[in-house]
Full PDB file with SEQRES, HELIX, SHEET, SSBOND, CRYST1, ORIGX, SCALE, CONECT and MASTER records, all heavy atoms in Angstrom:
SEQRES   1 A   36  THR LEU VAL THR ASN TYR LYS LYS ASP PRO LYS LEU LEU          
SEQRES   2 A   36  ASP THR SER GLU GLU ASP GLU ARG ASP ASP ASP GLU ASP          
SEQRES   3 A   36  ASP GLY ARG PRO ALA ARG SER ARG ARG ARG                      
HELIX    1 AA1 LEU A    2  LYS A    8  1                                   7    
HELIX    2 AA2 PRO A   10  LEU A   13  5                                   4    
HELIX    3 AA3 GLU A   17  ASP A   24  1                                   8    
HELIX    4 AA4 ALA A   31  ARG A   35  1                                   5    
CRYST1    1.000    1.000    1.000  90.00  90.00  90.00 P 1           1          
ORIGX1      1.000000  0.000000  0.000000        0.00000                         
ORIGX2      0.000000  1.000000  0.000000        0.00000                         
ORIGX3      0.000000  0.000000  1.000000        0.00000                         
SCALE1      1.000000  0.000000  0.000000        0.00000                         
SCALE2      0.000000  1.000000  0.000000        0.00000                         
SCALE3      0.000000  0.000000  1.000000        0.00000                         
ATOM      1  N   THR A   1      40.465 -65.843 152.547  1.00  0.00           N  
ATOM      2  CA  THR A   1      40.828 -64.451 152.648  1.00  0.00           C  
ATOM      3  C   THR A   1      39.700 -63.552 152.121  1.00  0.00           C  
ATOM      4  O   THR A   1      39.354 -62.536 152.746  1.00  0.00           O  
ATOM      5  CB  THR A   1      42.116 -64.179 151.862  1.00  0.00           C  
ATOM      6  OG1 THR A   1      43.169 -64.985 152.385  1.00  0.00           O  
ATOM      7  CG2 THR A   1      42.525 -62.712 151.966  1.00  0.00           C  
ATOM      8  N   LEU A   2      39.125 -63.908 150.971  1.00  0.00           N  
ATOM      9  CA  LEU A   2      38.049 -63.100 150.397  1.00  0.00           C  
ATOM     10  C   LEU A   2      36.820 -63.084 151.296  1.00  0.00           C  
ATOM     11  O   LEU A   2      36.230 -62.020 151.529  1.00  0.00           O  
ATOM     12  CB  LEU A   2      37.666 -63.656 149.011  1.00  0.00           C  
ATOM     13  CG  LEU A   2      38.675 -63.443 147.886  1.00  0.00           C  
ATOM     14  CD1 LEU A   2      38.206 -64.148 146.623  1.00  0.00           C  
ATOM     15  CD2 LEU A   2      38.860 -61.961 147.608  1.00  0.00           C  
ATOM     16  N   VAL A   3      36.433 -64.227 151.825  1.00  0.00           N  
ATOM     17  CA  VAL A   3      35.247 -64.274 152.679  1.00  0.00           C  
ATOM     18  C   VAL A   3      35.493 -63.538 153.988  1.00  0.00           C  
ATOM     19  O   VAL A   3      34.614 -62.832 154.500  1.00  0.00           O  
ATOM     20  CB  VAL A   3      34.838 -65.729 152.948  1.00  0.00           C  
ATOM     21  CG1 VAL A   3      33.704 -65.804 153.966  1.00  0.00           C  
ATOM     22  CG2 VAL A   3      34.426 -66.403 151.645  1.00  0.00           C  
ATOM     23  N   THR A   4      36.685 -63.662 154.545  1.00  0.00           N  
ATOM     24  CA  THR A   4      37.004 -62.949 155.792  1.00  0.00           C  
ATOM     25  C   THR A   4      36.963 -61.458 155.580  1.00  0.00           C  
ATOM     26  O   THR A   4      36.411 -60.713 156.408  1.00  0.00           O  
ATOM     27  CB  THR A   4      38.406 -63.378 156.286  1.00  0.00           C  
ATOM     28  OG1 THR A   4      38.441 -64.787 156.499  1.00  0.00           O  
ATOM     29  CG2 THR A   4      38.745 -62.668 157.586  1.00  0.00           C  
ATOM     30  N   ASN A   5      37.518 -60.983 154.485  1.00  0.00           N  
ATOM     31  CA  ASN A   5      37.453 -59.549 154.195  1.00  0.00           C  
ATOM     32  C   ASN A   5      36.042 -59.075 153.948  1.00  0.00           C  
ATOM     33  O   ASN A   5      35.659 -57.965 154.330  1.00  0.00           O  
ATOM     34  CB  ASN A   5      38.318 -59.228 152.956  1.00  0.00           C  
ATOM     35  CG  ASN A   5      39.811 -59.389 153.247  1.00  0.00           C  
ATOM     36  OD1 ASN A   5      40.224 -59.363 154.402  1.00  0.00           O  
ATOM     37  ND2 ASN A   5      40.587 -59.593 152.197  1.00  0.00           N  
ATOM     38  N   TYR A   6      35.248 -59.945 153.303  1.00  0.00           N  
ATOM     39  CA  TYR A   6      33.846 -59.571 153.038  1.00  0.00           C  
ATOM     40  C   TYR A   6      33.081 -59.433 154.343  1.00  0.00           C  
ATOM     41  O   TYR A   6      32.252 -58.525 154.491  1.00  0.00           O  
ATOM     42  CB  TYR A   6      33.216 -60.623 152.136  1.00  0.00           C  
ATOM     43  CG  TYR A   6      31.702 -60.498 152.035  1.00  0.00           C  
ATOM     44  CD1 TYR A   6      31.132 -59.506 151.263  1.00  0.00           C  
ATOM     45  CD2 TYR A   6      30.869 -61.359 152.742  1.00  0.00           C  
ATOM     46  CE1 TYR A   6      29.745 -59.374 151.171  1.00  0.00           C  
ATOM     47  CE2 TYR A   6      29.493 -61.236 152.675  1.00  0.00           C  
ATOM     48  CZ  TYR A   6      28.946 -60.253 151.873  1.00  0.00           C  
ATOM     49  OH  TYR A   6      27.588 -60.118 151.796  1.00  0.00           O  
ATOM     50  N   LYS A   7      33.329 -60.312 155.282  1.00  0.00           N  
ATOM     51  CA  LYS A   7      32.626 -60.228 156.557  1.00  0.00           C  
ATOM     52  C   LYS A   7      33.017 -58.961 157.334  1.00  0.00           C  
ATOM     53  O   LYS A   7      32.173 -58.370 158.019  1.00  0.00           O  
ATOM     54  CB  LYS A   7      32.906 -61.466 157.401  1.00  0.00           C  
ATOM     55  CG  LYS A   7      32.221 -62.722 156.899  1.00  0.00           C  
ATOM     56  CD  LYS A   7      32.484 -63.899 157.822  1.00  0.00           C  
ATOM     57  CE  LYS A   7      31.729 -65.125 157.378  1.00  0.00           C  
ATOM     58  NZ  LYS A   7      31.959 -66.279 158.289  1.00  0.00           N  
ATOM     59  N   LYS A   8      34.290 -58.580 157.225  1.00  0.00           N  
ATOM     60  CA  LYS A   8      34.719 -57.367 157.906  1.00  0.00           C  
ATOM     61  C   LYS A   8      34.092 -56.130 157.275  1.00  0.00           C  
ATOM     62  O   LYS A   8      33.547 -55.266 157.965  1.00  0.00           O  
ATOM     63  CB  LYS A   8      36.258 -57.253 157.866  1.00  0.00           C  
ATOM     64  CG  LYS A   8      36.957 -58.309 158.709  1.00  0.00           C  
ATOM     65  CD  LYS A   8      38.462 -58.142 158.605  1.00  0.00           C  
ATOM     66  CE  LYS A   8      39.194 -59.188 159.442  1.00  0.00           C  
ATOM     67  NZ  LYS A   8      40.679 -59.070 159.332  1.00  0.00           N  
ATOM     68  N   ASP A   9      34.217 -56.036 155.962  1.00  0.00           N  
ATOM     69  CA  ASP A   9      33.686 -54.880 155.236  1.00  0.00           C  
ATOM     70  C   ASP A   9      33.624 -55.234 153.763  1.00  0.00           C  
ATOM     71  O   ASP A   9      34.658 -55.452 153.118  1.00  0.00           O  
ATOM     72  CB  ASP A   9      34.567 -53.661 155.446  1.00  0.00           C  
ATOM     73  CG  ASP A   9      33.981 -52.404 154.798  1.00  0.00           C  
ATOM     74  OD1 ASP A   9      32.897 -52.499 154.201  1.00  0.00           O  
ATOM     75  OD2 ASP A   9      34.616 -51.338 154.906  1.00  0.00           O  
ATOM     76  N   PRO A  10      32.427 -55.349 153.168  1.00  0.00           N  
ATOM     77  CA  PRO A  10      32.302 -55.698 151.742  1.00  0.00           C  
ATOM     78  C   PRO A  10      33.083 -54.754 150.840  1.00  0.00           C  
ATOM     79  O   PRO A  10      33.493 -55.148 149.743  1.00  0.00           O  
ATOM     80  CB  PRO A  10      30.803 -55.601 151.470  1.00  0.00           C  
ATOM     81  CG  PRO A  10      30.173 -55.827 152.803  1.00  0.00           C  
ATOM     82  CD  PRO A  10      31.104 -55.206 153.804  1.00  0.00           C  
ATOM     83  N   LYS A  11      33.306 -53.509 151.281  1.00  0.00           N  
ATOM     84  CA  LYS A  11      34.014 -52.549 150.437  1.00  0.00           C  
ATOM     85  C   LYS A  11      35.502 -52.890 150.292  1.00  0.00           C  
ATOM     86  O   LYS A  11      36.188 -52.364 149.417  1.00  0.00           O  
ATOM     87  CB  LYS A  11      33.868 -51.148 151.000  1.00  0.00           C  
ATOM     88  CG  LYS A  11      32.444 -50.616 150.947  1.00  0.00           C  
ATOM     89  CD  LYS A  11      32.350 -49.201 151.471  1.00  0.00           C  
ATOM     90  CE  LYS A  11      30.918 -48.684 151.412  1.00  0.00           C  
ATOM     91  NZ  LYS A  11      30.811 -47.305 151.954  1.00  0.00           N  
ATOM     92  N   LEU A  12      36.005 -53.762 151.168  1.00  0.00           N  
ATOM     93  CA  LEU A  12      37.399 -54.147 151.069  1.00  0.00           C  
ATOM     94  C   LEU A  12      37.680 -54.942 149.796  1.00  0.00           C  
ATOM     95  O   LEU A  12      38.827 -55.034 149.352  1.00  0.00           O  
ATOM     96  CB  LEU A  12      37.806 -55.002 152.285  1.00  0.00           C  
ATOM     97  CG  LEU A  12      37.865 -54.270 153.630  1.00  0.00           C  
ATOM     98  CD1 LEU A  12      38.179 -55.270 154.744  1.00  0.00           C  
ATOM     99  CD2 LEU A  12      38.911 -53.159 153.616  1.00  0.00           C  
ATOM    100  N   LEU A  13      36.624 -55.503 149.213  1.00  0.00           N  
ATOM    101  CA  LEU A  13      36.796 -56.271 147.952  1.00  0.00           C  
ATOM    102  C   LEU A  13      36.847 -55.373 146.752  1.00  0.00           C  
ATOM    103  O   LEU A  13      37.154 -55.835 145.652  1.00  0.00           O  
ATOM    104  CB  LEU A  13      35.661 -57.283 147.796  1.00  0.00           C  
ATOM    105  CG  LEU A  13      35.525 -58.315 148.903  1.00  0.00           C  
ATOM    106  CD1 LEU A  13      34.385 -59.254 148.603  1.00  0.00           C  
ATOM    107  CD2 LEU A  13      36.800 -59.095 149.071  1.00  0.00           C  
ATOM    108  N   ASP A  14      36.549 -54.087 146.907  1.00  0.00           N  
ATOM    109  CA  ASP A  14      36.601 -53.173 145.785  1.00  0.00           C  
ATOM    110  C   ASP A  14      38.032 -52.734 145.536  1.00  0.00           C  
ATOM    111  O   ASP A  14      38.842 -52.622 146.451  1.00  0.00           O  
ATOM    112  CB  ASP A  14      35.728 -51.935 146.041  1.00  0.00           C  
ATOM    113  CG  ASP A  14      34.255 -52.292 146.033  1.00  0.00           C  
ATOM    114  OD1 ASP A  14      33.913 -53.306 145.374  1.00  0.00           O  
ATOM    115  OD2 ASP A  14      33.470 -51.575 146.664  1.00  0.00           O  
ATOM    116  N   THR A  15      38.314 -52.436 144.294  1.00  0.00           N  
ATOM    117  CA  THR A  15      39.618 -51.872 143.933  1.00  0.00           C  
ATOM    118  C   THR A  15      39.454 -50.360 143.876  1.00  0.00           C  
ATOM    119  O   THR A  15      38.638 -49.847 143.096  1.00  0.00           O  
ATOM    120  CB  THR A  15      40.077 -52.402 142.574  1.00  0.00           C  
ATOM    121  OG1 THR A  15      40.149 -53.815 142.662  1.00  0.00           O  
ATOM    122  CG2 THR A  15      41.437 -51.821 142.210  1.00  0.00           C  
ATOM    123  N   SER A  16      40.176 -49.636 144.667  1.00  0.00           N  
ATOM    124  CA  SER A  16      40.034 -48.187 144.729  1.00  0.00           C  
ATOM    125  C   SER A  16      40.526 -47.552 143.451  1.00  0.00           C  
ATOM    126  O   SER A  16      41.458 -48.029 142.795  1.00  0.00           O  
ATOM    127  CB  SER A  16      40.795 -47.622 145.921  1.00  0.00           C  
ATOM    128  OG  SER A  16      42.188 -47.825 145.742  1.00  0.00           O  
ATOM    129  N   GLU A  17      39.878 -46.442 143.074  1.00  0.00           N  
ATOM    130  CA  GLU A  17      40.272 -45.749 141.853  1.00  0.00           C  
ATOM    131  C   GLU A  17      41.661 -45.156 141.994  1.00  0.00           C  
ATOM    132  O   GLU A  17      42.415 -45.071 141.023  1.00  0.00           O  
ATOM    133  CB  GLU A  17      39.262 -44.633 141.569  1.00  0.00           C  
ATOM    134  CG  GLU A  17      37.852 -45.146 141.284  1.00  0.00           C  
ATOM    135  CD  GLU A  17      36.897 -43.999 140.990  1.00  0.00           C  
ATOM    136  OE1 GLU A  17      37.363 -42.838 141.042  1.00  0.00           O  
ATOM    137  OE2 GLU A  17      35.725 -44.285 140.685  1.00  0.00           O  
ATOM    138  N   GLU A  18      42.031 -44.780 143.201  1.00  0.00           N  
ATOM    139  CA  GLU A  18      43.366 -44.207 143.414  1.00  0.00           C  
ATOM    140  C   GLU A  18      44.441 -45.238 143.127  1.00  0.00           C  
ATOM    141  O   GLU A  18      45.452 -44.970 142.500  1.00  0.00           O  
ATOM    142  CB  GLU A  18      43.489 -43.697 144.842  1.00  0.00           C  
ATOM    143  CG  GLU A  18      44.850 -43.059 145.128  1.00  0.00           C  
ATOM    144  CD  GLU A  18      44.961 -42.566 146.564  1.00  0.00           C  
ATOM    145  OE1 GLU A  18      43.944 -42.662 147.290  1.00  0.00           O  
ATOM    146  OE2 GLU A  18      46.039 -42.103 146.950  1.00  0.00           O  
ATOM    147  N   ASP A  19      44.203 -46.509 143.582  1.00  0.00           N  
ATOM    148  CA  ASP A  19      45.180 -47.572 143.338  1.00  0.00           C  
ATOM    149  C   ASP A  19      45.282 -47.862 141.840  1.00  0.00           C  
ATOM    150  O   ASP A  19      46.367 -48.139 141.333  1.00  0.00           O  
ATOM    151  CB  ASP A  19      44.805 -48.827 144.089  1.00  0.00           C  
ATOM    152  CG  ASP A  19      44.981 -48.658 145.585  1.00  0.00           C  
ATOM    153  OD1 ASP A  19      45.735 -47.741 145.969  1.00  0.00           O  
ATOM    154  OD2 ASP A  19      44.356 -49.415 146.356  1.00  0.00           O  
ATOM    155  N   GLU A  20      44.156 -47.816 141.134  1.00  0.00           N  
ATOM    156  CA  GLU A  20      44.172 -48.099 139.705  1.00  0.00           C  
ATOM    157  C   GLU A  20      44.946 -47.033 138.959  1.00  0.00           C  
ATOM    158  O   GLU A  20      45.702 -47.321 138.035  1.00  0.00           O  
ATOM    159  CB  GLU A  20      42.736 -48.189 139.188  1.00  0.00           C  
ATOM    160  CG  GLU A  20      41.977 -49.412 139.674  1.00  0.00           C  
ATOM    161  CD  GLU A  20      40.576 -49.444 139.138  1.00  0.00           C  
ATOM    162  OE1 GLU A  20      40.196 -48.466 138.465  1.00  0.00           O  
ATOM    163  OE2 GLU A  20      39.874 -50.451 139.380  1.00  0.00           O  
ATOM    164  N   ARG A  21      44.757 -45.767 139.359  1.00  0.00           N  
ATOM    165  CA  ARG A  21      45.488 -44.707 138.692  1.00  0.00           C  
ATOM    166  C   ARG A  21      46.982 -44.818 138.967  1.00  0.00           C  
ATOM    167  O   ARG A  21      47.806 -44.625 138.080  1.00  0.00           O  
ATOM    168  CB  ARG A  21      44.980 -43.330 139.186  1.00  0.00           C  
ATOM    169  CG  ARG A  21      43.570 -42.978 138.660  1.00  0.00           C  
ATOM    170  CD  ARG A  21      43.315 -41.495 138.820  1.00  0.00           C  
ATOM    171  NE  ARG A  21      43.442 -41.100 140.240  1.00  0.00           N  
ATOM    172  CZ  ARG A  21      42.407 -41.093 141.099  1.00  0.00           C  
ATOM    173  NH1 ARG A  21      41.209 -41.458 140.691  1.00  0.00           N  
ATOM    174  NH2 ARG A  21      42.565 -40.723 142.362  1.00  0.00           N  
ATOM    175  N   ASP A  22      47.324 -45.146 140.205  1.00  0.00           N  
ATOM    176  CA  ASP A  22      48.747 -45.280 140.540  1.00  0.00           C  
ATOM    177  C   ASP A  22      49.396 -46.443 139.824  1.00  0.00           C  
ATOM    178  O   ASP A  22      50.569 -46.378 139.446  1.00  0.00           O  
ATOM    179  CB  ASP A  22      48.912 -45.437 142.061  1.00  0.00           C  
ATOM    180  CG  ASP A  22      48.534 -44.159 142.801  1.00  0.00           C  
ATOM    181  OD1 ASP A  22      48.555 -43.082 142.164  1.00  0.00           O  
ATOM    182  OD2 ASP A  22      48.235 -44.257 144.015  1.00  0.00           O  
ATOM    183  N   ASP A  23      48.626 -47.539 139.641  1.00  0.00           N  
ATOM    184  CA  ASP A  23      49.183 -48.691 138.930  1.00  0.00           C  
ATOM    185  C   ASP A  23      49.415 -48.405 137.465  1.00  0.00           C  
ATOM    186  O   ASP A  23      50.294 -48.968 136.823  1.00  0.00           O  
ATOM    187  CB  ASP A  23      48.263 -49.910 139.061  1.00  0.00           C  
ATOM    188  CG  ASP A  23      48.252 -50.430 140.503  1.00  0.00           C  
ATOM    189  OD1 ASP A  23      49.234 -50.151 141.230  1.00  0.00           O  
ATOM    190  OD2 ASP A  23      47.270 -51.115 140.880  1.00  0.00           O  
ATOM    191  N   ASP A  24      48.557 -47.492 136.881  1.00  0.00           N  
ATOM    192  CA  ASP A  24      48.690 -47.160 135.463  1.00  0.00           C  
ATOM    193  C   ASP A  24      49.858 -46.217 135.208  1.00  0.00           C  
ATOM    194  O   ASP A  24      50.346 -46.107 134.082  1.00  0.00           O  
ATOM    195  CB  ASP A  24      47.403 -46.545 134.936  1.00  0.00           C  
ATOM    196  CG  ASP A  24      46.282 -47.546 134.901  1.00  0.00           C  
ATOM    197  OD1 ASP A  24      46.590 -48.761 134.851  1.00  0.00           O  
ATOM    198  OD2 ASP A  24      45.091 -47.139 134.935  1.00  0.00           O  
ATOM    199  N   GLU A  25      50.301 -45.502 136.232  1.00  0.00           N  
ATOM    200  CA  GLU A  25      51.396 -44.566 136.064  1.00  0.00           C  
ATOM    201  C   GLU A  25      52.723 -45.319 136.003  1.00  0.00           C  
ATOM    202  O   GLU A  25      52.977 -46.210 136.791  1.00  0.00           O  
ATOM    203  CB  GLU A  25      51.425 -43.551 137.209  1.00  0.00           C  
ATOM    204  CG  GLU A  25      50.204 -42.639 137.255  1.00  0.00           C  
ATOM    205  CD  GLU A  25      50.249 -41.707 138.454  1.00  0.00           C  
ATOM    206  OE1 GLU A  25      51.193 -41.891 139.269  1.00  0.00           O  
ATOM    207  OE2 GLU A  25      49.371 -40.860 138.591  1.00  0.00           O  
ATOM    208  N   ASP A  26      53.545 -44.929 135.055  1.00  0.00           N  
ATOM    209  CA  ASP A  26      54.851 -45.573 134.898  1.00  0.00           C  
ATOM    210  C   ASP A  26      55.902 -44.523 135.244  1.00  0.00           C  
ATOM    211  O   ASP A  26      56.382 -43.800 134.352  1.00  0.00           O  
ATOM    212  CB  ASP A  26      55.037 -46.089 133.471  1.00  0.00           C  
ATOM    213  CG  ASP A  26      56.311 -46.881 133.335  1.00  0.00           C  
ATOM    214  OD1 ASP A  26      56.930 -47.194 134.362  1.00  0.00           O  
ATOM    215  OD2 ASP A  26      56.696 -47.146 132.173  1.00  0.00           O  
ATOM    216  N   ASP A  27      56.240 -44.377 136.516  1.00  0.00           N  
ATOM    217  CA  ASP A  27      57.191 -43.365 136.925  1.00  0.00           C  
ATOM    218  C   ASP A  27      58.591 -43.921 137.108  1.00  0.00           C  
ATOM    219  O   ASP A  27      59.456 -43.289 137.706  1.00  0.00           O  
ATOM    220  CB  ASP A  27      56.721 -42.681 138.215  1.00  0.00           C  
ATOM    221  CG  ASP A  27      56.469 -43.698 139.324  1.00  0.00           C  
ATOM    222  OD1 ASP A  27      56.681 -44.899 139.071  1.00  0.00           O  
ATOM    223  OD2 ASP A  27      56.042 -43.285 140.432  1.00  0.00           O  
ATOM    224  N   GLY A  28      58.806 -45.161 136.659  1.00  0.00           N  
ATOM    225  CA  GLY A  28      60.138 -45.730 136.774  1.00  0.00           C  
ATOM    226  C   GLY A  28      60.453 -46.371 138.102  1.00  0.00           C  
ATOM    227  O   GLY A  28      61.519 -46.938 138.284  1.00  0.00           O  
ATOM    228  N   ARG A  29      59.530 -46.295 139.056  1.00  0.00           N  
ATOM    229  CA  ARG A  29      59.779 -46.905 140.366  1.00  0.00           C  
ATOM    230  C   ARG A  29      59.116 -48.283 140.410  1.00  0.00           C  
ATOM    231  O   ARG A  29      58.063 -48.473 139.821  1.00  0.00           O  
ATOM    232  CB  ARG A  29      59.215 -46.033 141.475  1.00  0.00           C  
ATOM    233  CG  ARG A  29      59.952 -44.718 141.646  1.00  0.00           C  
ATOM    234  CD  ARG A  29      59.311 -43.897 142.766  1.00  0.00           C  
ATOM    235  NE  ARG A  29      57.918 -43.568 142.460  1.00  0.00           N  
ATOM    236  CZ  ARG A  29      57.069 -43.033 143.331  1.00  0.00           C  
ATOM    237  NH1 ARG A  29      57.471 -42.827 144.587  1.00  0.00           N  
ATOM    238  NH2 ARG A  29      55.847 -42.755 142.975  1.00  0.00           N  
ATOM    239  N   PRO A  30      59.692 -49.216 141.165  1.00  0.00           N  
ATOM    240  CA  PRO A  30      59.062 -50.538 141.305  1.00  0.00           C  
ATOM    241  C   PRO A  30      57.764 -50.429 142.075  1.00  0.00           C  
ATOM    242  O   PRO A  30      57.526 -49.451 142.785  1.00  0.00           O  
ATOM    243  CB  PRO A  30      60.108 -51.358 142.077  1.00  0.00           C  
ATOM    244  CG  PRO A  30      60.956 -50.341 142.769  1.00  0.00           C  
ATOM    245  CD  PRO A  30      60.982 -49.146 141.880  1.00  0.00           C  
ATOM    246  N   ALA A  31      56.909 -51.463 141.932  1.00  0.00           N  
ATOM    247  CA  ALA A  31      55.590 -51.436 142.568  1.00  0.00           C  
ATOM    248  C   ALA A  31      55.708 -51.319 144.066  1.00  0.00           C  
ATOM    249  O   ALA A  31      54.899 -50.640 144.724  1.00  0.00           O  
ATOM    250  CB  ALA A  31      54.806 -52.714 142.194  1.00  0.00           C  
ATOM    251  N   ARG A  32      56.700 -51.949 144.675  1.00  0.00           N  
ATOM    252  CA  ARG A  32      56.856 -51.895 146.122  1.00  0.00           C  
ATOM    253  C   ARG A  32      57.147 -50.469 146.577  1.00  0.00           C  
ATOM    254  O   ARG A  32      56.642 -49.983 147.592  1.00  0.00           O  
ATOM    255  CB  ARG A  32      57.976 -52.836 146.562  1.00  0.00           C  
ATOM    256  CG  ARG A  32      58.155 -52.880 148.064  1.00  0.00           C  
ATOM    257  CD  ARG A  32      59.245 -53.884 148.449  1.00  0.00           C  
ATOM    258  NE  ARG A  32      58.881 -55.213 147.989  1.00  0.00           N  
ATOM    259  CZ  ARG A  32      59.682 -56.259 148.132  1.00  0.00           C  
ATOM    260  NH1 ARG A  32      60.895 -56.121 148.719  1.00  0.00           N  
ATOM    261  NH2 ARG A  32      59.305 -57.444 147.706  1.00  0.00           N  
ATOM    262  N   SER A  33      57.982 -49.710 145.830  1.00  0.00           N  
ATOM    263  CA  SER A  33      58.297 -48.332 146.197  1.00  0.00           C  
ATOM    264  C   SER A  33      57.075 -47.450 146.080  1.00  0.00           C  
ATOM    265  O   SER A  33      56.845 -46.540 146.907  1.00  0.00           O  
ATOM    266  CB  SER A  33      59.429 -47.814 145.280  1.00  0.00           C  
ATOM    267  OG  SER A  33      60.592 -48.588 145.443  1.00  0.00           O  
ATOM    268  N   ARG A  34      56.247 -47.666 145.023  1.00  0.00           N  
ATOM    269  CA  ARG A  34      55.036 -46.867 144.893  1.00  0.00           C  
ATOM    270  C   ARG A  34      54.064 -47.107 146.015  1.00  0.00           C  
ATOM    271  O   ARG A  34      53.442 -46.185 146.521  1.00  0.00           O  
ATOM    272  CB  ARG A  34      54.374 -47.203 143.555  1.00  0.00           C  
ATOM    273  CG  ARG A  34      55.215 -46.773 142.343  1.00  0.00           C  
ATOM    274  CD  ARG A  34      54.321 -46.680 141.092  1.00  0.00           C  
ATOM    275  NE  ARG A  34      53.705 -47.951 140.796  1.00  0.00           N  
ATOM    276  CZ  ARG A  34      54.269 -48.869 139.995  1.00  0.00           C  
ATOM    277  NH1 ARG A  34      55.489 -48.663 139.487  1.00  0.00           N  
ATOM    278  NH2 ARG A  34      53.664 -49.987 139.725  1.00  0.00           N  
ATOM    279  N   ARG A  35      53.940 -48.387 146.456  1.00  0.00           N  
ATOM    280  CA  ARG A  35      53.028 -48.656 147.566  1.00  0.00           C  
ATOM    281  C   ARG A  35      53.553 -48.034 148.872  1.00  0.00           C  
ATOM    282  O   ARG A  35      52.772 -47.511 149.670  1.00  0.00           O  
ATOM    283  CB  ARG A  35      52.891 -50.184 147.747  1.00  0.00           C  
ATOM    284  CG  ARG A  35      52.083 -50.853 146.632  1.00  0.00           C  
ATOM    285  CD  ARG A  35      51.648 -52.219 147.088  1.00  0.00           C  
ATOM    286  NE  ARG A  35      52.796 -53.096 147.306  1.00  0.00           N  
ATOM    287  CZ  ARG A  35      53.336 -53.865 146.371  1.00  0.00           C  
ATOM    288  NH1 ARG A  35      52.850 -53.868 145.126  1.00  0.00           N  
ATOM    289  NH2 ARG A  35      54.367 -54.637 146.649  1.00  0.00           N  
ATOM    290  N   ARG A  36      54.903 -48.030 149.049  1.00  0.00           N  
ATOM    291  CA  ARG A  36      55.444 -47.427 150.257  1.00  0.00           C  
ATOM    292  C   ARG A  36      55.222 -45.919 150.253  1.00  0.00           C  
ATOM    293  O   ARG A  36      54.931 -45.294 151.277  1.00  0.00           O  
ATOM    294  CB  ARG A  36      56.924 -47.753 150.339  1.00  0.00           C  
ATOM    295  CG  ARG A  36      57.551 -47.257 151.652  1.00  0.00           C  
ATOM    296  CD  ARG A  36      59.052 -47.533 151.727  1.00  0.00           C  
ATOM    297  NE  ARG A  36      59.270 -48.995 151.736  1.00  0.00           N  
ATOM    298  CZ  ARG A  36      59.826 -49.629 150.704  1.00  0.00           C  
ATOM    299  NH1 ARG A  36      60.210 -48.980 149.619  1.00  0.00           N  
ATOM    300  NH2 ARG A  36      60.033 -50.940 150.766  1.00  0.00           N  
TER     301      ARG A  36                                                      
MASTER        0    0    0    4    0    0    0    6  300    1    0    3          
END                                                                             
């Protein structure tokens, strides 16, 4: 999976700052609801 993503676009292996901020927020919703 990692190598396939790297071949498509090396940036896919980066963790976006927006996702990190959203993961740090504790708004009482489960992770699946936040991703949706």
